[in-house]
Amino acid sequence: MPSIQKIIIAFFVSLLFFATHLTAGLLLQERKYSLKKTALLWGSAGIFLFLDLCFCFVFLSKPWRMLVALMLSYLYFWGIFICASADGFWKKCYLWITYGCVFCVSLSVSFYGCYLLVPNGSDAFVYFIRGVLYGVICFAILFAYHKYGRPLIRDVSGFRTKNWISLSVVSAIYFFTFVILLSKISADNGINPNTLLLFSLLVCSFALANILIISNIYQMRKEARDELVRQNVEYLMSYVENARKNEQESRRIRHNLRHHTERIAAMAREGNTEGILAYLGHNKEAPEFPAWCPNATVNGILGSYAEKAKKAGVEYIAQADTPEQSEVADVDFVAILANLLENALNACVALKSSGPIRVHIRNVGNKTVIAVSNPCGADLKLENGLPIARGIGIDSIISSSVRYQGDINYKIQEGICTACVILNP
């Protein structure tokens, strides 16, 4: 085959596989960077794929050129996916390895389709038919995932490390088996009944395994939701208790204020101005109400942690402009803001630091921005903008943020950790 024809075929194949890999990456990822940076990352992957295929088509023999080219590009795209997605590392591995299994199955079926439909076709025509068959199968599976699988997967935190490692190992076993079988199917250069039987059994086994995996993911989602509900109830009960205490204090102050007023009025009737001034100077009691913003839930959370910070000897500075009626549900404010403040206070207590804890809540256009900063230890490490060591608190923040297409980012600068959550209600 002339080299120019090889390059044309390589361009067609690279365009097709770039489209499927890109679609898979965009459907599977939780975007971490801006649209511009994300586009640059995936664009570099497309350039690599084309150069990779050109090299393999020109310098490798027919049985190996496709397999080597596709595996190299698949691994490169895997690296881009890990970099571009904000999810937990092992969840990203599971998703991309499972896509690799789908990729191998689709490609194997396209090989068998060409062996059956065009056994004596030219190389160019075979590659075209194979590409069409692969594209139809792969895109059908990806869009089925987008409709039915993505909502389920997004509900489960990527930071349940042990669960995702187990699922990744299962998918990896199938992936390497499919790769070996794909190389055998390619080398057969025709339909081998034994290979076809083995491939069919493996696909059925993979389908059954994924049914079990989906049930496991459902269970993970149920556990995450149950834990979030339990935690939200705890925070809401704390808020109610704090509101009850504030109401009792308000009643006490109002009751005492009547006596103070009567005392001042009596001295005023007597013309005892100096007595009034002395009395006001000694009476320091005055009502103190949290008034950061009109929103009762945000005020309650800020007030509750202001009291906790005061007891712990930690400086606490808060600013908020949340309206009385916010598009963010109260239960999600509890899950996000209360967890951020709890983590910040725990960090200060662990470090025996006096803070400060700084809280900024702003409505910017249609977005709600929540930023909490506090001193942190040198042992706090970040991965993909999130702490490597994570508990249920951060899982709750992520789960609630996902409902608002939220962006979450942690950064550490000069010993200060700042957590920023941007919600799009």
Protein backbone atom coordinates (compact mmCIF):
# COMPACT_ATOMS: atom_id res chain seq x y z
CA MET A 1 0.00 0.00 0.00
CA PRO A 2 1.44 3.41 -0.91
CA SER A 3 2.51 5.55 2.03
CA ILE A 4 0.07 8.34 1.10
CA GLN A 5 -2.81 5.86 1.32
CA LYS A 6 -1.57 4.70 4.71
CA ILE A 7 -1.56 8.29 5.94
CA ILE A 8 -5.12 8.83 4.65
CA ILE A 9 -6.29 5.68 6.43
CA ALA A 10 -4.40 6.70 9.57
CA PHE A 11 -6.14 10.10 9.46
CA PHE A 12 -9.57 8.50 9.10
CA VAL A 13 -8.93 6.01 11.91
CA SER A 14 -7.39 8.66 14.19
CA LEU A 15 -10.37 10.97 13.62
CA LEU A 16 -12.80 8.18 14.47
CA PHE A 17 -10.96 7.04 17.58
CA PHE A 18 -10.37 10.60 18.71
CA ALA A 19 -14.12 11.21 18.48
CA THR A 20 -14.93 8.12 20.57
CA HIS A 21 -12.15 8.68 23.12
CA LEU A 22 -13.10 12.36 23.43
CA THR A 23 -16.79 11.51 23.84
CA ALA A 24 -15.90 8.93 26.49
CA GLY A 25 -13.65 11.37 28.32
CA LEU A 26 -16.25 14.15 28.37
CA LEU A 27 -19.05 11.82 29.48
CA LEU A 28 -16.97 10.18 32.21
CA GLN A 29 -15.12 13.16 33.64
CA GLU A 30 -16.10 15.67 36.31
CA ARG A 31 -14.52 18.80 34.80
CA LYS A 32 -11.76 20.26 36.97
CA TYR A 33 -10.32 23.03 34.77
CA SER A 34 -11.77 25.85 32.71
CA LEU A 35 -13.25 25.05 29.32
CA LYS A 36 -10.19 26.50 27.59
CA LYS A 37 -7.67 24.42 29.52
CA THR A 38 -9.82 21.29 29.21
CA ALA A 39 -10.05 21.81 25.43
CA LEU A 40 -6.25 22.22 25.18
CA LEU A 41 -5.66 18.99 27.09
CA TRP A 42 -8.01 16.92 24.94
CA GLY A 43 -6.75 18.65 21.79
CA SER A 44 -3.17 17.55 22.59
CA ALA A 45 -4.48 14.01 22.93
CA GLY A 46 -5.93 14.22 19.42
CA ILE A 47 -2.59 15.35 17.97
CA PHE A 48 -0.80 12.52 19.76
CA LEU A 49 -3.32 9.99 18.44
CA PHE A 50 -2.80 11.08 14.81
CA LEU A 51 1.00 11.02 15.07
CA ASP A 52 0.86 7.68 16.87
CA LEU A 53 -1.28 6.08 14.14
CA CYS A 54 0.84 7.53 11.33
CA PHE A 55 4.00 6.12 12.90
CA CYS A 56 2.51 2.68 13.49
CA PHE A 57 0.87 2.44 10.03
CA VAL A 58 4.12 3.38 8.27
CA PHE A 59 6.64 1.39 10.33
CA LEU A 60 4.78 -1.61 11.77
CA SER A 61 3.52 -4.72 10.01
CA LYS A 62 -0.20 -5.27 9.44
CA PRO A 63 -1.04 -7.58 12.39
CA TRP A 64 0.48 -5.20 14.93
CA ARG A 65 0.03 -1.69 13.61
CA MET A 66 -3.57 -1.24 14.76
CA LEU A 67 -3.17 -2.94 18.13
CA VAL A 68 0.00 -1.05 19.14
CA ALA A 69 -1.34 2.28 17.91
CA LEU A 70 -4.62 1.93 19.75
CA MET A 71 -3.09 0.77 23.02
CA LEU A 72 -0.61 3.67 23.03
CA SER A 73 -3.33 6.22 22.30
CA TYR A 74 -5.64 4.61 24.86
CA LEU A 75 -2.98 4.94 27.57
CA TYR A 76 -2.25 8.55 26.59
CA PHE A 77 -5.95 9.43 26.73
CA TRP A 78 -6.11 7.69 30.12
CA GLY A 79 -3.44 10.07 31.40
CA ILE A 80 -5.36 13.09 30.04
CA PHE A 81 -8.56 11.80 31.64
CA ILE A 82 -6.84 11.40 35.04
CA CYS A 83 -5.49 14.93 34.75
CA ALA A 84 -8.69 16.62 33.49
CA SER A 85 -11.23 15.04 35.86
CA ALA A 86 -11.80 16.20 39.45
CA ASP A 87 -13.01 12.82 40.72
CA GLY A 88 -11.12 10.45 43.02
CA PHE A 89 -8.14 8.69 41.41
CA TRP A 90 -9.47 5.13 41.69
CA LYS A 91 -12.92 6.05 40.49
CA LYS A 92 -11.30 7.59 37.39
CA CYS A 93 -9.27 4.43 36.91
CA TYR A 94 -12.38 2.25 37.14
CA LEU A 95 -14.31 4.38 34.65
CA TRP A 96 -11.52 4.53 32.06
CA ILE A 97 -10.58 0.84 32.38
CA THR A 98 -14.23 -0.11 31.95
CA TYR A 99 -14.38 2.11 28.89
CA GLY A 100 -11.27 0.25 27.68
CA CYS A 101 -13.22 -3.00 27.92
CA VAL A 102 -16.05 -1.46 25.88
CA PHE A 103 -13.46 -0.18 23.41
CA CYS A 104 -11.95 -3.67 22.96
CA VAL A 105 -15.36 -5.35 22.65
CA SER A 106 -16.50 -2.82 20.02
CA LEU A 107 -13.27 -3.20 18.06
CA SER A 108 -13.42 -7.02 18.24
CA VAL A 109 -16.98 -7.02 16.94
CA SER A 110 -15.91 -4.72 14.09
CA PHE A 111 -13.14 -7.21 13.18
CA TYR A 112 -15.63 -10.06 13.07
CA GLY A 113 -18.05 -7.91 11.08
CA CYS A 114 -15.39 -7.26 8.42
CA TYR A 115 -14.36 -10.94 8.32
CA LEU A 116 -18.00 -11.78 7.67
CA LEU A 117 -19.08 -8.93 5.38
CA VAL A 118 -15.94 -8.09 3.35
CA PRO A 119 -13.57 -11.07 3.59
CA ASN A 120 -11.73 -10.10 0.39
CA GLY A 121 -12.05 -6.32 0.44
CA SER A 122 -9.17 -3.90 -0.06
CA ASP A 123 -7.34 -2.60 2.98
CA ALA A 124 -8.86 0.86 2.61
CA PHE A 125 -12.43 -0.50 2.33
CA VAL A 126 -11.90 -2.90 5.25
CA TYR A 127 -10.65 -0.10 7.49
CA PHE A 128 -13.64 2.04 6.50
CA ILE A 129 -16.20 -0.70 7.26
CA ARG A 130 -14.42 -1.61 10.47
CA GLY A 131 -14.46 2.05 11.56
CA VAL A 132 -18.17 2.40 10.82
CA LEU A 133 -19.03 -0.76 12.78
CA TYR A 134 -16.80 0.23 15.69
CA GLY A 135 -18.24 3.76 15.79
CA VAL A 136 -21.87 2.60 15.78
CA ILE A 137 -21.32 0.11 18.60
CA CYS A 138 -19.10 2.30 20.76
CA PHE A 139 -21.19 5.45 20.46
CA ALA A 140 -24.38 3.48 21.19
CA ILE A 141 -22.88 2.13 24.43
CA LEU A 142 -21.48 5.53 25.45
CA PHE A 143 -24.78 7.34 24.96
CA ALA A 144 -26.64 4.57 26.80
CA TYR A 145 -24.20 5.19 29.68
CA HIS A 146 -24.86 8.93 29.45
CA LYS A 147 -28.61 8.40 29.84
CA TYR A 148 -28.71 5.59 32.41
CA GLY A 149 -25.30 5.16 34.03
CA ARG A 150 -23.90 8.67 34.51
CA PRO A 151 -26.58 9.88 36.98
CA LEU A 152 -25.89 6.84 39.18
CA ILE A 153 -22.09 7.13 39.00
CA ARG A 154 -22.14 10.87 39.78
CA ASP A 155 -24.15 10.23 42.95
CA VAL A 156 -21.37 8.08 44.41
CA SER A 157 -18.31 9.80 45.82
CA GLY A 158 -15.01 9.11 44.11
CA PHE A 159 -13.25 8.96 47.45
CA ARG A 160 -14.49 5.60 48.72
CA THR A 161 -11.07 4.32 47.84
CA LYS A 162 -11.38 0.66 48.85
CA ASN A 163 -14.60 0.16 46.88
CA TRP A 164 -13.22 1.76 43.72
CA ILE A 165 -9.93 -0.14 43.95
CA SER A 166 -11.85 -3.43 44.07
CA LEU A 167 -13.98 -2.45 41.07
CA SER A 168 -10.88 -1.25 39.18
CA VAL A 169 -9.10 -4.57 39.73
CA VAL A 170 -12.10 -6.51 38.35
CA SER A 171 -12.30 -4.26 35.29
CA ALA A 172 -8.51 -4.44 34.77
CA ILE A 173 -8.61 -8.26 34.66
CA TYR A 174 -11.27 -8.13 31.96
CA PHE A 175 -9.43 -5.36 30.09
CA PHE A 176 -6.14 -7.27 29.80
CA THR A 177 -8.04 -10.42 28.80
CA PHE A 178 -9.89 -8.48 26.10
CA VAL A 179 -6.60 -6.97 24.83
CA ILE A 180 -5.02 -10.43 24.50
CA LEU A 181 -8.13 -11.76 22.79
CA LEU A 182 -8.26 -8.75 20.46
CA SER A 183 -4.69 -9.41 19.35
CA LYS A 184 -5.66 -13.05 18.68
CA ILE A 185 -8.74 -12.00 16.68
CA SER A 186 -6.59 -9.61 14.63
CA ALA A 187 -3.93 -12.27 14.00
CA ASP A 188 -6.50 -14.90 12.97
CA ASN A 189 -7.34 -12.80 9.89
CA GLY A 190 -10.66 -14.58 9.74
CA ILE A 191 -13.31 -16.19 11.92
CA ASN A 192 -11.78 -18.84 14.17
CA PRO A 193 -14.63 -20.78 15.89
CA ASN A 194 -12.60 -21.37 19.07
CA THR A 195 -11.64 -17.70 19.39
CA LEU A 196 -15.20 -16.61 18.63
CA LEU A 197 -16.58 -18.94 21.34
CA LEU A 198 -14.06 -17.68 23.87
CA PHE A 199 -14.87 -14.08 22.97
CA SER A 200 -18.62 -14.70 23.32
CA LEU A 201 -18.19 -16.33 26.73
CA LEU A 202 -15.96 -13.50 27.90
CA VAL A 203 -18.46 -10.83 26.80
CA CYS A 204 -21.28 -12.65 28.64
CA SER A 205 -19.10 -12.94 31.73
CA PHE A 206 -18.24 -9.24 31.52
CA ALA A 207 -21.93 -8.33 31.25
CA LEU A 208 -22.79 -10.43 34.34
CA ALA A 209 -19.88 -8.94 36.27
CA ASN A 210 -21.12 -5.44 35.46
CA ILE A 211 -24.58 -6.30 36.75
CA LEU A 212 -22.95 -7.19 40.08
CA ILE A 213 -20.81 -4.04 39.93
CA ILE A 214 -23.90 -1.87 39.33
CA SER A 215 -25.62 -3.44 42.34
CA ASN A 216 -22.48 -2.66 44.36
CA ILE A 217 -22.55 0.96 43.18
CA TYR A 218 -26.25 1.21 44.12
CA GLN A 219 -25.32 0.02 47.60
CA MET A 220 -22.50 2.59 47.79
CA ARG A 221 -24.94 5.32 46.81
CA LYS A 222 -27.46 4.18 49.42
CA GLU A 223 -24.79 4.17 52.15
CA ALA A 224 -23.60 7.63 51.11
CA ARG A 225 -27.16 9.02 51.14
CA ASP A 226 -27.96 7.40 54.51
CA GLU A 227 -24.79 8.87 56.02
CA LEU A 228 -25.54 12.28 54.53
CA VAL A 229 -29.09 12.21 55.95
CA ARG A 230 -27.75 11.21 59.37
CA GLN A 231 -25.19 14.00 59.29
CA ASN A 232 -27.72 16.57 58.10
CA VAL A 233 -30.06 15.60 60.94
CA GLU A 234 -27.22 16.07 63.43
CA TYR A 235 -26.40 19.53 62.08
CA LEU A 236 -30.04 20.56 61.91
CA MET A 237 -30.59 19.40 65.50
CA SER A 238 -27.53 21.42 66.52
CA TYR A 239 -28.95 24.42 64.68
CA VAL A 240 -32.35 24.01 66.36
CA GLU A 241 -30.69 23.73 69.78
CA ASN A 242 -28.63 26.86 69.10
CA ALA A 243 -31.73 28.73 67.95
CA ARG A 244 -33.55 27.61 71.13
CA LYS A 245 -30.71 28.92 73.30
CA ASN A 246 -30.70 32.22 71.42
CA GLU A 247 -34.44 32.56 71.90
CA GLN A 248 -34.14 31.90 75.64
CA GLU A 249 -31.36 34.45 75.91
CA SER A 250 -33.43 36.94 73.95
CA ARG A 251 -36.36 36.48 76.33
CA ARG A 252 -34.11 36.90 79.36
CA ILE A 253 -32.62 40.11 77.96
CA ARG A 254 -36.07 41.49 77.05
CA HIS A 255 -37.30 40.68 80.55
CA ASN A 256 -34.30 42.38 82.19
CA LEU A 257 -34.55 45.30 79.80
CA ARG A 258 -37.95 46.22 81.31
CA HIS A 259 -36.39 46.52 84.77
CA HIS A 260 -33.45 48.53 83.39
CA THR A 261 -35.86 50.90 81.64
CA GLU A 262 -37.86 51.42 84.83
CA ARG A 263 -34.70 52.11 86.83
CA ILE A 264 -33.41 54.65 84.27
CA ALA A 265 -36.85 56.31 84.10
CA ALA A 266 -36.94 56.69 87.89
CA MET A 267 -33.53 58.34 87.93
CA ALA A 268 -34.57 60.58 85.03
CA ARG A 269 -37.62 61.79 86.99
CA GLU A 270 -35.31 62.57 89.90
CA GLY A 271 -33.00 64.48 87.57
CA ASN A 272 -30.11 62.19 88.53
CA THR A 273 -28.11 62.46 85.31
CA GLU A 274 -24.88 61.27 86.86
CA GLY A 275 -26.65 58.23 88.27
CA ILE A 276 -28.02 57.34 84.83
CA LEU A 277 -24.57 57.57 83.25
CA ALA A 278 -23.01 55.51 86.03
CA TYR A 279 -25.76 52.91 85.74
CA LEU A 280 -25.33 52.64 81.95
CA GLY A 281 -21.57 52.36 82.38
CA HIS A 282 -21.87 49.39 84.73
CA ASN A 283 -24.62 47.63 82.82
CA LYS A 284 -22.83 45.93 79.91
CA GLU A 285 -25.67 43.59 79.07
CA ALA A 286 -26.90 44.03 75.49
CA PRO A 287 -28.58 41.72 73.06
CA GLU A 288 -26.23 39.91 70.69
CA PHE A 289 -27.80 38.31 67.64
CA PRO A 290 -26.03 36.81 64.64
CA ALA A 291 -26.80 39.07 61.70
CA TRP A 292 -24.43 38.04 58.94
CA CYS A 293 -27.16 37.79 56.30
CA PRO A 294 -30.96 37.53 55.94
CA ASN A 295 -30.87 33.72 55.43
CA ALA A 296 -31.86 31.94 58.66
CA THR A 297 -30.06 28.67 57.89
CA VAL A 298 -26.76 30.32 56.96
CA ASN A 299 -27.02 32.56 60.02
CA GLY A 300 -27.71 29.55 62.21
CA ILE A 301 -24.68 27.64 60.90
CA LEU A 302 -22.38 30.66 61.14
CA GLY A 303 -23.65 31.42 64.65
CA SER A 304 -23.25 27.84 65.82
CA TYR A 305 -19.61 27.69 64.70
CA ALA A 306 -18.90 31.20 65.97
CA GLU A 307 -19.88 29.92 69.42
CA LYS A 308 -17.79 26.74 69.02
CA ALA A 309 -14.78 28.76 67.82
CA LYS A 310 -15.10 31.14 70.79
CA LYS A 311 -15.11 28.21 73.22
CA ALA A 312 -12.04 26.75 71.48
CA GLY A 313 -10.20 30.08 71.57
CA VAL A 314 -10.11 30.36 67.78
CA GLU A 315 -10.58 33.69 65.99
CA TYR A 316 -13.59 33.55 63.68
CA ILE A 317 -14.35 36.05 60.90
CA ALA A 318 -17.43 35.61 58.71
CA GLN A 319 -19.05 37.60 55.91
CA ALA A 320 -22.18 36.58 54.02
CA ASP A 321 -24.80 38.11 51.75
CA THR A 322 -27.09 35.11 51.25
CA PRO A 323 -30.67 36.29 50.63
CA GLU A 324 -33.56 35.13 52.78
CA GLN A 325 -34.83 32.89 49.96
CA SER A 326 -31.85 31.13 48.40
CA GLU A 327 -31.83 28.77 45.43
CA VAL A 328 -29.53 26.49 47.46
CA ALA A 329 -31.58 24.17 49.68
CA ASP A 330 -31.14 24.44 53.46
CA VAL A 331 -30.06 20.80 53.69
CA ASP A 332 -27.28 21.46 51.14
CA PHE A 333 -26.10 24.56 53.00
CA VAL A 334 -25.84 22.36 56.07
CA ALA A 335 -23.93 19.64 54.20
CA ILE A 336 -21.50 22.06 52.53
CA LEU A 337 -21.02 25.02 54.89
CA ALA A 338 -21.23 23.11 58.18
CA ASN A 339 -18.75 20.48 56.97
CA LEU A 340 -16.30 23.13 55.76
CA LEU A 341 -16.49 24.90 59.11
CA GLU A 342 -16.26 21.65 61.07
CA ASN A 343 -13.10 20.67 59.19
CA ALA A 344 -11.60 24.16 59.65
CA LEU A 345 -12.31 24.18 63.40
CA ASN A 346 -10.95 20.65 63.84
CA ALA A 347 -7.76 21.65 62.00
CA CYS A 348 -7.24 24.65 64.30
CA VAL A 349 -7.88 22.58 67.42
CA ALA A 350 -5.51 19.83 66.25
CA LEU A 351 -2.78 22.40 65.57
CA LYS A 352 -3.57 24.29 68.82
CA SER A 353 -3.88 27.35 66.59
CA SER A 354 -5.86 30.48 67.39
CA GLY A 355 -6.87 30.75 63.75
CA PRO A 356 -8.22 32.74 62.22
CA ILE A 357 -11.03 30.90 60.43
CA ARG A 358 -12.28 33.14 57.63
CA VAL A 359 -15.64 32.54 55.98
CA HIS A 360 -16.88 34.35 52.87
CA ILE A 361 -20.25 33.57 51.28
CA ARG A 362 -21.15 35.59 48.23
CA ASN A 363 -23.79 35.55 45.51
CA VAL A 364 -22.10 36.44 42.22
CA GLY A 365 -24.61 36.58 39.41
CA ASN A 366 -26.34 33.21 39.42
CA LYS A 367 -23.55 31.56 41.39
CA THR A 368 -23.15 31.02 45.13
CA VAL A 369 -19.50 31.11 46.24
CA ILE A 370 -18.49 29.67 49.61
CA ALA A 371 -14.85 30.07 50.73
CA VAL A 372 -13.43 28.92 54.07
CA SER A 373 -9.77 29.33 55.03
CA ASN A 374 -7.87 28.21 58.11
CA PRO A 375 -4.33 27.31 59.25
CA CYS A 376 -3.31 23.77 58.30
CA GLY A 377 -0.51 21.35 59.07
CA ALA A 378 2.27 20.23 56.75
CA ASP A 379 0.75 16.74 56.63
CA LEU A 380 -2.27 17.97 54.61
CA LYS A 381 -1.71 16.82 51.02
CA LEU A 382 -3.89 17.59 48.01
CA GLU A 383 -4.62 15.60 44.86
CA ASN A 384 -6.62 17.07 41.98
CA GLY A 385 -7.58 20.01 44.18
CA LEU A 386 -8.95 17.86 47.01
CA PRO A 387 -7.39 16.44 50.21
CA ILE A 388 -5.94 12.94 49.74
CA ALA A 389 -7.10 11.89 53.23
CA ARG A 390 -10.87 12.33 53.09
CA GLY A 391 -13.73 11.52 55.39
CA ILE A 392 -17.50 11.56 55.17
CA GLY A 393 -17.50 15.35 55.57
CA ILE A 394 -15.82 16.01 52.22
CA ASP A 395 -17.92 13.26 50.63
CA SER A 396 -21.02 15.14 51.80
CA ILE A 397 -19.70 18.41 50.37
CA ILE A 398 -19.06 16.75 47.00
CA SER A 399 -22.41 14.94 46.92
CA SER A 400 -24.35 18.14 47.63
CA SER A 401 -22.27 20.22 45.22
CA VAL A 402 -22.89 17.81 42.35
CA ARG A 403 -26.60 18.69 42.48
CA TYR A 404 -25.69 22.26 41.54
CA GLN A 405 -22.98 21.41 38.95
CA GLY A 406 -20.58 22.73 41.57
CA ASP A 407 -16.83 23.20 41.39
CA ILE A 408 -14.76 22.35 44.50
CA ASN A 409 -11.15 23.33 44.90
CA TYR A 410 -8.72 23.26 47.81
CA LYS A 411 -5.41 25.11 47.80
CA ILE A 412 -2.63 25.55 50.34
CA GLN A 413 -0.53 28.71 50.47
CA GLU A 414 1.88 29.67 53.26
CA GLY A 415 0.31 27.29 55.75
CA ILE A 416 -3.27 28.39 55.03
CA CYS A 417 -5.76 25.98 53.48
CA THR A 418 -8.59 27.56 51.50
CA ALA A 419 -11.59 25.54 50.37
CA CYS A 420 -13.72 27.15 47.67
CA VAL A 421 -17.08 25.79 46.54
CA ILE A 422 -18.89 27.40 43.59
CA LEU A 423 -22.53 26.38 43.15
CA ASN A 424 -24.71 26.99 40.09
CA PRO A 425 -28.28 26.75 41.46
